[in-house]
């Protein structure tokens, strides 16, 4: 087979680049993925009870990037959806991110009012304060509140999710769920929040429907390298694997996903409930909140963070730490020898904790600046 481009990985990065190359340049693309499906970790499917489930955890699309929104809107209709999350603290379910409403769900009304006044005096309404920053700057009652939130919400969840304390991770992780000086209970505040009306897999099918795009699944690209003639490659897999772990493996975290279907219409009050201090799992997501389906049964997804072992499970999250970043930079410096023949992009190739919109934005930028240069 002869193509212009070989793309390794059929997730958001690979699919976006394939679609742009085929539709805008009219060039032939072959996408190769070792899994048995397109869509990467955004893959979803209908289970035996007709419920649309997200195989690799809840994926709620949210962005402030109009360019990304308009681009993906070519391939899907959207179902507007505001994701809400509760976190269990001492047996109580309170809104997450922690906000002014959370105060009144935990503390006596008069003390909650005092804490609210202190927060509004020290921070502007609508401010988002990373928990570690709040702990550093606070004193008195605010110091108590900061320590309470850290110990009851952030510490346990972070340790289960990453196997380390919040202080041991890059600020980009601990800052993802800040303390929000607001009464907005939505988990995200982006301008665009929605889920593809017919699912992510259908979105990917439409993206890859172009006649110049071919897809080969259940295949490691190295198995077919000798059988494919191509001009250039885009690699979206782990950069350390591509370079045969020459500087040692980059660490990732894995997740085990367990699905349970119940013979009842609804199980919980919101889409996701987090359990930072109890049980081995981190959260439960009820899939019908995401799909908007009305069915007599419901499917729950339990997430159990695990160590990542190459060949045994999927690398879900790069571990953002200084030493890991330095090792990644060593890999990228070595990868410069492939300049002109191989482009590296995506969460695993870039070793960055991308949201979906960030992955698409990155792919569009690669196309504009490196493909059609």
Protein backbone atom coordinates (compact mmCIF):
# COMPACT_ATOMS: atom_id res chain seq x y z
CA UNK A 1 0.00 0.00 0.00
CA UNK A 2 1.22 3.49 -0.85
CA UNK A 3 -0.02 6.58 1.00
CA UNK A 4 1.12 10.11 1.56
CA UNK A 5 0.77 9.95 5.33
CA UNK A 6 0.90 7.20 7.94
CA UNK A 7 -0.81 8.29 11.16
CA UNK A 8 -0.33 6.20 14.29
CA UNK A 9 -3.33 6.50 16.60
CA UNK A 10 -7.04 7.05 15.89
CA UNK A 11 -7.85 9.38 18.77
CA UNK A 12 -8.68 13.08 18.55
CA UNK A 13 -5.20 14.13 17.46
CA UNK A 14 -4.79 11.48 14.78
CA UNK A 15 -8.34 11.77 13.47
CA UNK A 16 -8.24 15.57 13.26
CA UNK A 17 -4.96 15.53 11.33
CA UNK A 18 -6.19 12.77 9.03
CA UNK A 19 -9.38 14.66 8.24
CA UNK A 20 -7.54 17.93 7.56
CA UNK A 21 -4.91 16.31 5.34
CA UNK A 22 -7.51 14.40 3.32
CA UNK A 23 -10.13 17.14 2.98
CA UNK A 24 -7.88 20.16 2.58
CA UNK A 25 -4.92 18.71 0.72
CA UNK A 26 -6.50 15.74 -1.05
CA UNK A 27 -3.69 13.48 0.13
CA UNK A 28 -3.99 9.80 1.03
CA UNK A 29 -3.86 8.85 4.70
CA UNK A 30 -3.62 5.53 6.50
CA UNK A 31 -4.46 5.50 10.21
CA UNK A 32 -3.15 2.53 12.19
CA UNK A 33 -4.30 1.77 15.73
CA UNK A 34 -3.48 -1.21 17.92
CA UNK A 35 -6.93 -1.17 19.52
CA UNK A 36 -10.03 -2.62 17.91
CA UNK A 37 -11.83 0.71 17.63
CA UNK A 38 -11.43 4.33 16.55
CA UNK A 39 -11.78 7.25 18.92
CA UNK A 40 -8.98 6.53 21.38
CA UNK A 41 -10.06 7.04 24.97
CA UNK A 42 -13.18 8.92 23.82
CA UNK A 43 -14.62 5.70 22.33
CA UNK A 44 -18.20 4.93 23.35
CA UNK A 45 -20.63 2.13 22.51
CA UNK A 46 -24.12 0.83 23.31
CA UNK A 47 -24.17 -1.98 25.85
CA UNK A 48 -26.60 -4.89 25.81
CA UNK A 49 -29.25 -2.79 27.55
CA UNK A 50 -29.03 -0.05 24.93
CA UNK A 51 -27.20 2.41 27.18
CA UNK A 52 -24.44 4.46 25.58
CA UNK A 53 -21.35 4.04 27.75
CA UNK A 54 -17.94 5.71 27.71
CA UNK A 55 -15.48 2.82 27.79
CA UNK A 56 -12.56 4.81 29.20
CA UNK A 57 -14.31 7.09 31.66
CA UNK A 58 -16.65 10.08 31.33
CA UNK A 59 -15.83 12.43 28.45
CA UNK A 60 -17.66 15.75 28.67
CA UNK A 61 -16.71 18.14 25.91
CA UNK A 62 -16.11 21.71 27.06
CA UNK A 63 -14.20 24.56 25.48
CA UNK A 64 -13.92 28.31 25.09
CA UNK A 65 -12.21 27.87 21.73
CA UNK A 66 -14.71 28.82 19.02
CA UNK A 67 -12.37 27.48 16.33
CA UNK A 68 -12.35 24.01 17.89
CA UNK A 69 -16.10 24.11 18.50
CA UNK A 70 -16.88 25.07 14.90
CA UNK A 71 -14.48 22.48 13.55
CA UNK A 72 -16.02 19.56 15.45
CA UNK A 73 -19.54 20.83 14.77
CA UNK A 74 -19.04 19.80 11.14
CA UNK A 75 -19.18 16.17 12.27
CA UNK A 76 -21.81 16.09 14.98
CA UNK A 77 -24.92 17.63 16.39
CA UNK A 78 -24.52 18.51 20.05
CA UNK A 79 -26.61 17.78 23.11
CA UNK A 80 -26.07 20.66 25.55
CA UNK A 81 -24.98 19.26 28.88
CA UNK A 82 -23.73 20.83 32.10
CA UNK A 83 -21.84 18.25 34.10
CA UNK A 84 -22.34 18.30 37.86
CA UNK A 85 -20.21 16.51 40.40
CA UNK A 86 -20.70 15.83 44.09
CA UNK A 87 -17.99 14.74 46.50
CA UNK A 88 -18.61 12.68 49.63
CA UNK A 89 -17.18 14.37 52.73
CA UNK A 90 -17.91 12.85 56.13
CA UNK A 91 -21.02 11.20 54.72
CA UNK A 92 -22.33 14.40 53.12
CA UNK A 93 -22.50 15.03 49.38
CA UNK A 94 -21.33 18.52 48.51
CA UNK A 95 -20.79 20.37 45.18
CA UNK A 96 -17.42 20.07 43.44
CA UNK A 97 -15.49 22.22 42.64
CA UNK A 98 -15.74 23.41 46.23
CA UNK A 99 -17.69 26.68 46.17
CA UNK A 100 -19.80 28.92 48.35
CA UNK A 101 -22.69 26.45 48.26
CA UNK A 102 -20.32 23.77 49.55
CA UNK A 103 -19.73 25.83 52.70
CA UNK A 104 -23.39 25.63 53.66
CA UNK A 105 -23.53 21.91 52.92
CA UNK A 106 -20.82 21.22 55.51
CA UNK A 107 -20.73 23.89 58.22
CA UNK A 108 -23.36 25.42 60.51
CA UNK A 109 -25.07 28.36 58.78
CA UNK A 110 -23.49 31.13 60.89
CA UNK A 111 -19.98 29.75 60.48
CA UNK A 112 -20.54 29.14 56.75
CA UNK A 113 -21.65 32.78 56.44
CA UNK A 114 -18.48 33.94 58.22
CA UNK A 115 -16.29 31.87 55.89
CA UNK A 116 -18.15 33.22 52.86
CA UNK A 117 -17.52 36.80 54.00
CA UNK A 118 -13.82 36.06 54.49
CA UNK A 119 -13.51 34.50 51.04
CA UNK A 120 -15.28 37.44 49.38
CA UNK A 121 -13.13 39.91 51.31
CA UNK A 122 -9.87 38.24 50.34
CA UNK A 123 -10.78 37.12 46.81
CA UNK A 124 -13.06 38.50 44.13
CA UNK A 125 -16.36 36.82 43.35
CA UNK A 126 -15.81 34.36 40.52
CA UNK A 127 -12.14 33.77 41.38
CA UNK A 128 -10.72 30.28 41.13
CA UNK A 129 -8.05 29.56 43.72
CA UNK A 130 -5.81 26.46 43.52
CA UNK A 131 -5.98 24.66 46.85
CA UNK A 132 -2.21 24.78 47.44
CA UNK A 133 -2.21 28.53 46.86
CA UNK A 134 -5.13 28.97 49.27
CA UNK A 135 -3.23 27.02 51.94
CA UNK A 136 -0.14 29.16 51.46
CA UNK A 137 -1.90 32.50 51.70
CA UNK A 138 -4.65 31.88 54.24
CA UNK A 139 -4.60 32.43 57.99
CA UNK A 140 -7.11 32.17 60.83
CA UNK A 141 -10.47 30.73 59.79
CA UNK A 142 -9.47 30.71 56.12
CA UNK A 143 -6.44 28.64 57.04
CA UNK A 144 -8.76 26.19 58.77
CA UNK A 145 -10.98 26.07 55.70
CA UNK A 146 -8.04 25.57 53.35
CA UNK A 147 -6.71 22.68 55.42
CA UNK A 148 -10.18 21.17 55.69
CA UNK A 149 -10.68 21.20 51.91
CA UNK A 150 -7.16 19.89 51.32
CA UNK A 151 -7.47 17.02 53.79
CA UNK A 152 -11.08 16.03 53.12
CA UNK A 153 -11.24 16.46 49.33
CA UNK A 154 -7.91 16.92 47.57
CA UNK A 155 -5.43 14.76 49.45
CA UNK A 156 -7.30 11.43 49.36
CA UNK A 157 -8.47 11.73 45.77
CA UNK A 158 -5.05 12.81 44.53
CA UNK A 159 -3.27 10.03 46.38
CA UNK A 160 -5.64 7.41 44.97
CA UNK A 161 -5.52 8.85 41.46
CA UNK A 162 -1.78 9.48 41.19
CA UNK A 163 -0.20 7.46 43.99
CA UNK A 164 1.39 10.61 45.42
CA UNK A 165 0.62 13.75 47.42
CA UNK A 166 -0.69 16.91 45.73
CA UNK A 167 2.58 18.73 46.48
CA UNK A 168 4.51 16.14 44.50
CA UNK A 169 2.64 16.92 41.28
CA UNK A 170 2.89 19.81 38.88
CA UNK A 171 0.56 22.76 39.58
CA UNK A 172 -1.33 21.96 36.36
CA UNK A 173 -2.87 18.93 38.11
CA UNK A 174 -3.71 20.48 41.48
CA UNK A 175 -5.08 23.56 39.73
CA UNK A 176 -7.55 21.64 37.57
CA UNK A 177 -10.22 21.61 40.31
CA UNK A 178 -9.76 24.89 42.22
CA UNK A 179 -11.79 26.39 45.03
CA UNK A 180 -14.38 28.46 43.18
CA UNK A 181 -15.64 31.68 44.81
CA UNK A 182 -19.08 31.37 43.27
CA UNK A 183 -22.47 29.69 43.56
CA UNK A 184 -22.11 28.03 40.17
CA UNK A 185 -22.39 24.26 40.78
CA UNK A 186 -21.34 23.28 37.27
CA UNK A 187 -18.11 21.31 37.11
CA UNK A 188 -16.97 23.35 34.09
CA UNK A 189 -17.63 26.99 33.27
CA UNK A 190 -16.62 26.97 29.59
CA UNK A 191 -18.77 28.79 27.04
CA UNK A 192 -19.43 25.58 25.09
CA UNK A 193 -20.41 22.45 27.03
CA UNK A 194 -21.99 19.50 25.29
CA UNK A 195 -21.78 15.86 24.28
CA UNK A 196 -22.07 14.59 20.69
CA UNK A 197 -25.75 13.75 20.25
CA UNK A 198 -25.03 10.36 18.72
CA UNK A 199 -21.86 9.66 20.66
CA UNK A 200 -18.15 10.19 20.16
CA UNK A 201 -17.68 7.09 18.03
CA UNK A 202 -20.16 8.39 15.47
CA UNK A 203 -18.35 11.74 15.49
CA UNK A 204 -15.11 9.93 14.66
CA UNK A 205 -16.78 7.86 11.94
CA UNK A 206 -17.90 11.06 10.23
CA UNK A 207 -14.45 12.62 10.58
CA UNK A 208 -12.81 9.60 8.96
CA UNK A 209 -15.40 9.03 6.23
CA UNK A 210 -13.32 10.78 3.56
CA UNK A 211 -12.41 8.48 0.62
CA UNK A 212 -8.72 9.36 0.98
CA UNK A 213 -8.65 7.99 4.56
CA UNK A 214 -8.14 4.31 5.33
CA UNK A 215 -8.16 2.84 8.85
CA UNK A 216 -6.35 -0.28 10.00
CA UNK A 217 -7.27 -1.51 13.50
CA UNK A 218 -5.93 -4.29 15.74
CA UNK A 219 -2.50 -3.51 14.37
CA UNK A 220 0.77 -2.24 15.79
CA UNK A 221 2.21 0.09 13.18
CA UNK A 222 5.60 -1.62 13.46
CA UNK A 223 4.05 -4.84 12.17
CA UNK A 224 3.17 -3.25 8.83
CA UNK A 225 5.98 -0.73 8.33
CA UNK A 226 7.62 -2.89 5.67
CA UNK A 227 4.36 -3.26 3.75
CA UNK A 228 3.42 0.43 3.60
CA UNK A 229 5.10 3.11 1.56
CA UNK A 230 4.52 6.60 2.91
CA UNK A 231 6.09 10.02 2.65
CA UNK A 232 5.63 11.23 6.21
CA UNK A 233 4.39 9.92 9.56
CA UNK A 234 2.38 11.47 12.39
CA UNK A 235 2.92 9.63 15.64
CA UNK A 236 0.45 10.13 18.53
CA UNK A 237 1.57 7.25 20.75
CA UNK A 238 4.00 7.26 23.69
CA UNK A 239 7.22 9.02 22.70
CA UNK A 240 9.34 6.75 24.91
CA UNK A 241 7.96 3.66 23.20
CA UNK A 242 8.72 5.11 19.75
CA UNK A 243 12.35 5.55 20.78
CA UNK A 244 12.58 2.10 22.40
CA UNK A 245 12.76 3.49 25.95
CA UNK A 246 16.34 4.61 25.38
CA UNK A 247 16.18 6.99 28.37
CA UNK A 248 13.93 4.74 30.43
CA UNK A 249 10.12 4.64 30.48
CA UNK A 250 8.06 7.76 31.10
CA UNK A 251 5.56 7.05 33.90
CA UNK A 252 1.83 7.04 33.30
CA UNK A 253 -1.17 6.20 35.42
CA UNK A 254 -3.71 3.64 34.33
CA UNK A 255 -7.35 3.19 35.33
CA UNK A 256 -9.49 0.08 35.62
CA UNK A 257 -13.08 0.69 34.54
CA UNK A 258 -15.84 -1.50 35.96
CA UNK A 259 -19.40 -1.24 34.61
CA UNK A 260 -22.46 -2.30 36.59
CA UNK A 261 -26.02 -2.19 35.24
CA UNK A 262 -28.88 -1.89 37.73
CA UNK A 263 -32.55 -2.71 37.24
CA UNK A 264 -33.65 0.79 38.25
CA UNK A 265 -34.12 4.03 36.36
CA UNK A 266 -31.65 6.24 38.25
CA UNK A 267 -29.05 5.62 40.94
CA UNK A 268 -27.52 8.97 41.93
CA UNK A 269 -28.37 12.66 41.95
CA UNK A 270 -25.81 13.88 39.41
CA UNK A 271 -23.57 12.56 36.67
CA UNK A 272 -20.54 11.85 38.87
CA UNK A 273 -19.94 11.39 42.58
CA UNK A 274 -16.36 11.40 43.89
CA UNK A 275 -15.17 9.34 46.85
CA UNK A 276 -11.83 10.77 48.00
CA UNK A 277 -11.66 9.04 51.37
CA UNK A 278 -13.70 5.84 51.17
CA UNK A 279 -13.36 2.73 49.00
CA UNK A 280 -10.71 1.87 46.42
CA UNK A 281 -12.45 3.60 43.53
CA UNK A 282 -12.28 7.36 42.97
CA UNK A 283 -15.68 8.05 41.45
CA UNK A 284 -18.94 6.66 40.10
CA UNK A 285 -20.40 8.05 36.88
CA UNK A 286 -23.95 7.26 35.83
CA UNK A 287 -23.83 6.95 32.07
CA UNK A 288 -27.38 8.05 31.24
CA UNK A 289 -26.69 11.55 32.52
CA UNK A 290 -24.13 11.85 29.74
CA UNK A 291 -26.23 10.32 26.98
CA UNK A 292 -29.57 11.85 28.00
CA UNK A 293 -31.32 8.54 27.44
CA UNK A 294 -34.57 7.62 29.18
CA UNK A 295 -34.47 3.89 29.86
CA UNK A 296 -35.72 1.63 32.68
CA UNK A 297 -32.19 0.47 33.58
CA UNK A 298 -29.06 2.41 34.40
CA UNK A 299 -25.33 1.71 34.01
CA UNK A 300 -22.70 2.89 36.48
CA UNK A 301 -18.99 3.24 35.85
CA UNK A 302 -16.57 2.74 38.75
CA UNK A 303 -12.99 3.97 38.29
CA UNK A 304 -10.06 2.30 40.04
CA UNK A 305 -6.67 4.03 39.50
CA UNK A 306 -3.84 1.59 38.82
CA UNK A 307 -0.20 1.51 37.93
CA UNK A 308 0.46 1.56 34.20
CA UNK A 309 2.26 -1.51 32.90
CA UNK A 310 3.21 -1.45 29.22
CA UNK A 311 1.40 -4.19 27.31
CA UNK A 312 -0.98 -4.88 30.20
CA UNK A 313 -3.20 -1.79 30.27
CA UNK A 314 -3.62 1.60 28.63
CA UNK A 315 -1.52 4.66 29.53
CA UNK A 316 -4.24 7.11 30.57
CA UNK A 317 -2.47 10.00 32.27
CA UNK A 318 1.09 11.29 31.94
CA UNK A 319 2.49 12.01 35.42
CA UNK A 320 3.38 15.73 35.52
CA UNK A 321 6.57 16.06 37.56
CA UNK A 322 9.80 17.93 36.99
CA UNK A 323 11.96 14.81 36.58
CA UNK A 324 9.51 13.31 34.10
CA UNK A 325 9.43 16.52 32.08
CA UNK A 326 13.22 16.54 31.92
CA UNK A 327 13.23 12.96 30.65
CA UNK A 328 10.58 13.82 28.07
CA UNK A 329 12.72 16.71 26.85
CA UNK A 330 15.60 14.28 26.36
CA UNK A 331 13.35 12.17 24.17
CA UNK A 332 12.20 15.16 22.15
CA UNK A 333 15.75 16.32 21.61
CA UNK A 334 16.62 12.89 20.24
CA UNK A 335 13.44 12.91 18.12
CA UNK A 336 14.75 15.93 16.23
CA UNK A 337 16.66 13.49 14.03
CA UNK A 338 13.28 12.56 12.51
CA UNK A 339 12.45 16.17 11.63
CA UNK A 340 10.92 16.32 8.18
CA UNK A 341 9.73 12.72 8.24
CA UNK A 342 7.90 12.25 11.57
CA UNK A 343 5.64 14.68 13.45
CA UNK A 344 4.87 14.02 17.12
CA UNK A 345 1.59 15.25 18.63
CA UNK A 346 -1.03 14.21 21.17
CA UNK A 347 -1.30 13.50 24.89
CA UNK A 348 1.15 10.59 24.82
CA UNK A 349 3.58 11.94 22.23
CA UNK A 350 3.65 15.39 23.87
CA UNK A 351 3.51 13.90 27.38
CA UNK A 352 0.88 16.44 28.40
CA UNK A 353 -2.43 16.19 30.21
CA UNK A 354 -4.67 17.45 27.36
CA UNK A 355 -8.42 17.89 27.52
CA UNK A 356 -10.25 16.91 24.34
CA UNK A 357 -10.49 20.46 23.03
CA UNK A 358 -6.79 20.98 23.70
CA UNK A 359 -5.95 17.85 21.71
CA UNK A 360 -8.00 19.11 18.76
CA UNK A 361 -6.49 22.59 19.01
CA UNK A 362 -3.01 21.09 19.05
CA UNK A 363 -3.80 18.98 15.97
CA UNK A 364 -5.18 21.97 14.06
CA UNK A 365 -2.06 23.95 14.91
CA UNK A 366 0.21 21.10 13.76
CA UNK A 367 -1.71 20.96 10.49
CA UNK A 368 -1.45 24.70 9.86
CA UNK A 369 2.14 25.18 10.99
CA UNK A 370 3.89 21.90 10.22
CA UNK A 371 1.88 20.04 7.59
CA UNK A 372 1.05 22.85 5.15
CA UNK A 373 4.18 24.91 5.70
